C-alpha atoms as a PDB file:
ATOM      1  CA  UNK A   1    -167.799 -92.373 116.094  1.00  0.00           C
ATOM      2  CA  UNK A   2    -168.798 -95.745 114.653  1.00  0.00           C
ATOM      3  CA  UNK A   3    -171.478 -97.804 116.387  1.00  0.00           C
ATOM      4  CA  UNK A   4    -171.348-101.583 116.171  1.00  0.00           C
ATOM      5  CA  UNK A   5    -174.257-103.997 116.276  1.00  0.00           C
ATOM      6  CA  UNK A   6    -173.373-107.627 117.070  1.00  0.00           C
ATOM      7  CA  UNK A   7    -175.435-110.193 115.172  1.00  0.00           C
ATOM      8  CA  UNK A   8    -175.346-113.650 116.720  1.00  0.00           C
ATOM      9  CA  UNK A   9    -176.374-116.159 114.092  1.00  0.00           C
ATOM     10  CA  UNK A  10    -175.230-119.149 112.109  1.00  0.00           C
ATOM     11  CA  UNK A  11    -177.393-118.054 109.161  1.00  0.00           C
ATOM     12  CA  UNK A  12    -175.445-116.056 106.560  1.00  0.00           C
ATOM     13  CA  UNK A  13    -178.679-114.982 104.849  1.00  0.00           C
ATOM     14  CA  UNK A  14    -179.868-113.317 108.049  1.00  0.00           C
ATOM     15  CA  UNK A  15    -176.513-111.600 108.470  1.00  0.00           C
ATOM     16  CA  UNK A  16    -176.843-110.309 104.902  1.00  0.00           C
ATOM     17  CA  UNK A  17    -180.345-108.990 105.650  1.00  0.00           C
ATOM     18  CA  UNK A  18    -179.033-107.041 108.633  1.00  0.00           C
ATOM     19  CA  UNK A  19    -176.162-105.705 106.510  1.00  0.00           C
ATOM     20  CA  UNK A  20    -178.678-104.496 103.900  1.00  0.00           C
ATOM     21  CA  UNK A  21    -180.857-102.937 106.614  1.00  0.00           C
ATOM     22  CA  UNK A  22    -178.000-100.769 107.903  1.00  0.00           C
ATOM     23  CA  UNK A  23    -176.290-100.123 104.572  1.00  0.00           C
ATOM     24  CA  UNK A  24    -177.474 -96.504 104.413  1.00  0.00           C
ATOM     25  CA  UNK A  25    -176.805 -95.708 108.064  1.00  0.00           C
ATOM     26  CA  UNK A  26    -173.622 -93.717 108.356  1.00  0.00           C
ATOM     27  CA  UNK A  27    -171.084 -94.908 110.869  1.00  0.00           C
ATOM     28  CA  UNK A  28    -172.853 -98.163 111.740  1.00  0.00           C
ATOM     29  CA  UNK A  29    -171.050-101.492 111.500  1.00  0.00           C
ATOM     30  CA  UNK A  30    -172.405-105.008 111.778  1.00  0.00           C
ATOM     31  CA  UNK A  31    -170.258-107.704 113.337  1.00  0.00           C
ATOM     32  CA  UNK A  32    -171.529-111.241 112.808  1.00  0.00           C
ATOM     33  CA  UNK A  33    -170.683-113.789 115.491  1.00  0.00           C
ATOM     34  CA  UNK A  34    -171.396-117.500 115.132  1.00  0.00           C
ATOM     35  CA  UNK A  35    -173.021-118.891 118.314  1.00  0.00           C
ATOM     36  CA  UNK A  36    -170.277-121.524 118.645  1.00  0.00           C
ATOM     37  CA  UNK A  37    -167.597-118.803 118.583  1.00  0.00           C
ATOM     38  CA  UNK A  38    -168.905-117.102 121.716  1.00  0.00           C
ATOM     39  CA  UNK A  39    -166.432-117.836 124.476  1.00  0.00           C
ATOM     40  CA  UNK A  40    -168.120-115.675 127.104  1.00  0.00           C
ATOM     41  CA  UNK A  41    -171.525-114.055 126.885  1.00  0.00           C
ATOM     42  CA  UNK A  42    -170.506-111.615 129.633  1.00  0.00           C
ATOM     43  CA  UNK A  43    -167.473-110.526 127.568  1.00  0.00           C
ATOM     44  CA  UNK A  44    -169.631-110.125 124.464  1.00  0.00           C
ATOM     45  CA  UNK A  45    -172.132-107.961 126.334  1.00  0.00           C
ATOM     46  CA  UNK A  46    -169.365-105.907 127.925  1.00  0.00           C
ATOM     47  CA  UNK A  47    -167.698-105.310 124.535  1.00  0.00           C
ATOM     48  CA  UNK A  48    -167.870-101.938 122.826  1.00  0.00           C
ATOM     49  CA  UNK A  49    -171.136-102.594 120.994  1.00  0.00           C
ATOM     50  CA  UNK A  50    -174.342-100.599 121.048  1.00  0.00           C
ATOM     51  CA  UNK A  51    -176.755-103.514 120.643  1.00  0.00           C
ATOM     52  CA  UNK A  52    -177.194-107.202 119.931  1.00  0.00           C
ATOM     53  CA  UNK A  53    -179.359-109.027 117.432  1.00  0.00           C
ATOM     54  CA  UNK A  54    -179.644-112.674 118.378  1.00  0.00           C
ATOM     55  CA  UNK A  55    -181.122-115.270 116.035  1.00  0.00           C
ATOM     56  CA  UNK A  56    -182.971-118.101 117.724  1.00  0.00           C
ATOM     57  CA  UNK A  57    -183.887-120.491 114.906  1.00  0.00           C
ATOM     58  CA  UNK A  58    -185.003-123.414 117.093  1.00  0.00           C
ATOM     59  CA  UNK A  59    -185.138-124.893 120.595  1.00  0.00           C
ATOM     60  CA  UNK A  60    -181.386-125.607 120.632  1.00  0.00           C
ATOM     61  CA  UNK A  61    -180.606-121.865 120.604  1.00  0.00           C
ATOM     62  CA  UNK A  62    -183.146-120.886 123.304  1.00  0.00           C
ATOM     63  CA  UNK A  63    -180.728-121.303 126.254  1.00  0.00           C
ATOM     64  CA  UNK A  64    -178.119-119.070 124.583  1.00  0.00           C
ATOM     65  CA  UNK A  65    -180.785-116.452 123.812  1.00  0.00           C
ATOM     66  CA  UNK A  66    -181.918-116.447 127.437  1.00  0.00           C
ATOM     67  CA  UNK A  67    -178.345-116.134 128.735  1.00  0.00           C
ATOM     68  CA  UNK A  68    -177.689-113.201 126.396  1.00  0.00           C
ATOM     69  CA  UNK A  69    -180.878-111.472 127.562  1.00  0.00           C
ATOM     70  CA  UNK A  70    -180.005-111.975 131.237  1.00  0.00           C
ATOM     71  CA  UNK A  71    -176.441-110.712 130.764  1.00  0.00           C
ATOM     72  CA  UNK A  72    -177.640-107.700 128.751  1.00  0.00           C
ATOM     73  CA  UNK A  73    -180.192-106.813 131.429  1.00  0.00           C
ATOM     74  CA  UNK A  74    -177.529-107.057 134.123  1.00  0.00           C
ATOM     75  CA  UNK A  75    -175.132-104.911 132.119  1.00  0.00           C
ATOM     76  CA  UNK A  76    -174.473-101.431 133.435  1.00  0.00           C
ATOM     77  CA  UNK A  77    -175.913 -99.813 130.322  1.00  0.00           C
ATOM     78  CA  UNK A  78    -178.822-102.228 129.757  1.00  0.00           C
ATOM     79  CA  UNK A  79    -177.676-103.305 126.319  1.00  0.00           C
ATOM     80  CA  UNK A  80    -180.572-103.469 123.810  1.00  0.00           C
ATOM     81  CA  UNK A  81    -181.243-106.961 122.430  1.00  0.00           C
ATOM     82  CA  UNK A  82    -183.418-107.727 119.409  1.00  0.00           C
ATOM     83  CA  UNK A  83    -184.412-111.385 119.097  1.00  0.00           C
ATOM     84  CA  UNK A  84    -185.233-112.913 115.717  1.00  0.00           C
ATOM     85  CA  UNK A  85    -186.968-116.287 115.540  1.00  0.00           C
ATOM     86  CA  UNK A  86    -187.859-118.484 112.599  1.00  0.00           C
ATOM     87  CA  UNK A  87    -191.634-118.327 112.532  1.00  0.00           C
ATOM     88  CA  UNK A  88    -194.121-116.848 114.942  1.00  0.00           C
ATOM     89  CA  UNK A  89    -193.624-118.031 118.535  1.00  0.00           C
ATOM     90  CA  UNK A  90    -195.794-115.824 120.801  1.00  0.00           C
ATOM     91  CA  UNK A  91    -195.117-117.838 123.969  1.00  0.00           C
ATOM     92  CA  UNK A  92    -191.346-117.511 123.525  1.00  0.00           C
ATOM     93  CA  UNK A  93    -191.605-113.857 122.544  1.00  0.00           C
ATOM     94  CA  UNK A  94    -193.442-113.160 125.781  1.00  0.00           C
ATOM     95  CA  UNK A  95    -190.750-114.861 127.846  1.00  0.00           C
ATOM     96  CA  UNK A  96    -188.033-112.990 125.933  1.00  0.00           C
ATOM     97  CA  UNK A  97    -189.766-109.676 126.630  1.00  0.00           C
ATOM     98  CA  UNK A  98    -189.941-110.629 130.298  1.00  0.00           C
ATOM     99  CA  UNK A  99    -186.186-111.233 130.222  1.00  0.00           C
ATOM    100  CA  UNK A 100    -185.641-107.763 128.754  1.00  0.00           C
ATOM    101  CA  UNK A 101    -185.726-108.106 124.966  1.00  0.00           C
ATOM    102  CA  UNK A 102    -186.071-104.763 123.224  1.00  0.00           C
ATOM    103  CA  UNK A 103    -188.015-106.317 120.352  1.00  0.00           C
ATOM    104  CA  UNK A 104    -188.884-109.755 118.996  1.00  0.00           C
ATOM    105  CA  UNK A 105    -189.133-110.271 115.259  1.00  0.00           C
ATOM    106  CA  UNK A 106    -189.982-113.343 113.224  1.00  0.00           C
ATOM    107  CA  UNK A 107    -188.921-114.422 109.784  1.00  0.00           C
ATOM    108  CA  UNK A 108    -189.506-113.581 107.052  1.00  0.00           C
ATOM    109  CA  UNK A 109    -188.071-110.268 108.197  1.00  0.00           C
ATOM    110  CA  UNK A 110    -189.527-106.870 107.536  1.00  0.00           C
ATOM    111  CA  UNK A 111    -186.212-105.238 106.608  1.00  0.00           C
ATOM    112  CA  UNK A 112    -187.688-101.759 107.021  1.00  0.00           C
ATOM    113  CA  UNK A 113    -188.766-102.544 110.580  1.00  0.00           C
ATOM    114  CA  UNK A 114    -185.347-104.036 111.321  1.00  0.00           C
ATOM    115  CA  UNK A 115    -183.627-100.911 109.944  1.00  0.00           C
ATOM    116  CA  UNK A 116    -185.835 -98.712 112.141  1.00  0.00           C
ATOM    117  CA  UNK A 117    -184.994-100.759 115.239  1.00  0.00           C
ATOM    118  CA  UNK A 118    -181.262-100.758 114.531  1.00  0.00           C
ATOM    119  CA  UNK A 119    -181.302 -97.010 113.921  1.00  0.00           C
ATOM    120  CA  UNK A 120    -183.106 -96.405 117.219  1.00  0.00           C
ATOM    121  CA  UNK A 121    -180.547 -98.575 119.056  1.00  0.00           C
ATOM    122  CA  UNK A 122    -177.677 -96.662 117.441  1.00  0.00           C
ATOM    123  CA  UNK A 123    -179.267 -93.281 118.245  1.00  0.00           C
ATOM    124  CA  UNK A 124    -179.854 -94.339 121.844  1.00  0.00           C
ATOM    125  CA  UNK A 125    -176.214 -95.345 122.140  1.00  0.00           C
ATOM    126  CA  UNK A 126    -175.038 -92.036 120.710  1.00  0.00           C
ATOM    127  CA  UNK A 127    -177.239 -90.096 123.125  1.00  0.00           C
ATOM    128  CA  UNK A 128    -175.845 -92.052 126.073  1.00  0.00           C
ATOM    129  CA  UNK A 129    -172.250 -91.343 125.084  1.00  0.00           C
ATOM    130  CA  UNK A 130    -172.838 -87.820 123.837  1.00  0.00           C
ATOM    131  CA  UNK A 131    -171.138 -84.818 125.363  1.00  0.00           C
ATOM    132  CA  UNK A 132    -174.552 -83.194 125.496  1.00  0.00           C
ATOM    133  CA  UNK A 133    -175.364 -85.042 128.681  1.00  0.00           C
ATOM    134  CA  UNK A 134    -172.290 -83.601 130.308  1.00  0.00           C
ATOM    135  CA  UNK A 135    -173.281 -80.006 129.472  1.00  0.00           C
ATOM    136  CA  UNK A 136    -174.817 -78.129 132.372  1.00  0.00           C
ATOM    137  CA  UNK A 137    -178.423 -77.133 132.073  1.00  0.00           C
ATOM    138  CA  UNK A 138    -179.037 -73.556 131.006  1.00  0.00           C
ATOM    139  CA  UNK A 139    -180.121 -71.530 133.972  1.00  0.00           C
ATOM    140  CA  UNK A 140    -183.224 -69.466 133.430  1.00  0.00           C
ATOM    141  CA  UNK A 141    -183.935 -66.463 135.575  1.00  0.00           C
ATOM    142  CA  UNK A 142    -187.007 -66.751 137.697  1.00  0.00           C
ATOM    143  CA  UNK A 143    -189.880 -65.060 135.976  1.00  0.00           C
ATOM    144  CA  UNK A 144    -192.833 -63.755 137.912  1.00  0.00           C
ATOM    145  CA  UNK A 145    -195.970 -65.033 136.264  1.00  0.00           C
ATOM    146  CA  UNK A 146    -198.194 -62.338 134.862  1.00  0.00           C
ATOM    147  CA  UNK A 147    -201.661 -62.486 136.237  1.00  0.00           C
ATOM    148  CA  UNK A 148    -204.404 -60.610 134.545  1.00  0.00           C
ATOM    149  CA  UNK A 149    -207.762 -60.063 136.148  1.00  0.00           C
ATOM    150  CA  UNK A 150    -210.245 -58.897 133.607  1.00  0.00           C
ATOM    151  CA  UNK A 151    -212.845 -56.383 134.608  1.00  0.00           C
ATOM    152  CA  UNK A 152    -216.338 -57.592 134.009  1.00  0.00           C
ATOM    153  CA  UNK A 153    -217.888 -56.034 130.969  1.00  0.00           C
ATOM    154  CA  UNK A 154    -221.419 -56.273 132.348  1.00  0.00           C
ATOM    155  CA  UNK A 155    -222.300 -55.081 135.761  1.00  0.00           C
ATOM    156  CA  UNK A 156    -225.170 -56.491 137.610  1.00  0.00           C
ATOM    157  CA  UNK A 157    -227.428 -53.929 139.246  1.00  0.00           C
END
């Protein structure tokens, strides 16, 4: 089963960085979507993807980032969203976390950290769709606890 991460960005270099980060992950695809090509955020979030990476390079992209976070939080499966900004923006990162961001990263990217985050999103998705959750729990017979009362080795007289 292949897991797909949607990357919303107009920056081809960022898309390439994400591609390099997941290159060694088996069965993981990256689909890059230009922000202007998004017809419906709700449809994007409802698509068969396991997570979203949204690039917010400046103030113009903040409304789209917030809409994506709100839609992902309202989604039945609470779709993980990683937000990447250009430069450190602690005030915005805080508001994104409050809206449900899984993680906020700034550029220049730590590709190792990004790979770790993407892998955890993919693993989470696989666990949610795994047949293992549909298996019944193994029943264990009730075991009577063994209680041992030690005899005192010294007796008081």
